């Protein structure tokens, strides 16, 4: 993944405005090569900040038109990793609602869920709950992939089921009691989901956990802040062997949040894709 910078953020917003197609929407999974060396002097930090501000203002202005109806009829589960910024989570939920979607489940994952030091506990609990879900969870998976699928099956679904099932309610109570999750509002499991990254997670745990979550829904988008493009998102983009989930960096920006919702809408007909807010090639970039 080419390291992104803020210099191209205004161009990114221009691409957003004219509607680069993301399937049926204004985002595309575009490949890009290393930029040609330039002899032009680099812009001063003040210029970069000014461009970033204009880009953010523009994104805010065009977001209502871009998002309107994108998630109509969709129920979304929102998972937040330990350390995820609550303001970012709330802002993303607001964007989902602005796109016509319903936030069905809002779940905060606690540190114990992804702590390698608690692997034995995670393994034991995951095995127990996997049996409860039967064929919905593959009990033969490795510890964190199985736990991810268990948590996915608890708060999401492949089919619209309305309110949570008895199995989901029981599993949720067990996960809460085990201090692996903290639940927010509950309006029924979603068939699409967003995972908001936070503190750094061990690579093996992270890749397994996210893979497991993706097994439980019809579409998953993992989003992180701008710095995550060189951190946990970079790990996920490098490790994933199939387009099981989409990724978006820049969740700390308006552009990134808009891109996250558009990428989520894309999952209804085409899974996967790596996108970002600032960077070469515009708002959408392929990892």
Foldseek 3Di string as FASTA:
>chain_A
DDQFALPCQLVQLVQQVVACDLPNARFHQDADDDDDDDPDDDDDPVVSVVSNVVSQVSLVVCLLVRQAQLQAPFEEEEEEEPAFDPVLSVVLCVSCVSSNYHDAWYKYFDPLLQDPVNQVVQQVLLLVLCVLVPPQADSPDPRLLSSLLSVLQLAAAADFDFFGDPSSVVSVVVCVVVVRMDIDDHGHHTQEYEYEYGDAGDLVNLLSNVNSNLSGHLAYEYEYESVCCVPNVVSNLVPDPDQSYEYEYHSVGSLRSSVRSNLRSSSVPDGHAYFYNGRPPHGGYHD
